[in-house]
Amino acid sequence: VQLVESGGGLVQAGGSLRLSCVASGSISSIDLMGWYRQAPGKQRELVALIRSSGSTIYADSVKGRFAISRDNAKNTVALQMNTLKPEDTAVYYCYATGGSWGQGTQVTVSS
């Protein structure tokens, strides 16, 4: 499955952004989907995952601020990001079980 992200941009600290990931095919049979991010000079890290059951996993750094959701009917996964901090600045990648990755979308949070 091919994944295409959108929704990144420049926002001030404390602001919000909503990322969206659209899959080229059905995601109903894909167990795990989620978001990772990579900041300059750092390794790619987990942000949030969501199972087909709806259960979620979040990195400690984003708990309480970010919310992941999926819509199997629309083949999309979204990441609502609130109370953004400068340290959230990174390229955000959509992920699906099986090793599918999107091309990434840049999120920049200014202080």
Foldseek 3Di string as FASTA:
>chain_A
DAKAKDWADEEAAQAKIKMKIADPDFCLPFFKKAKWWDDPPGDIGGAKIAGSVGDMDGDPVQPPFKDWDDDRVRRMIMIIGGRDDQVVFTWMWIDTPPGHIYPTDTHGYHD
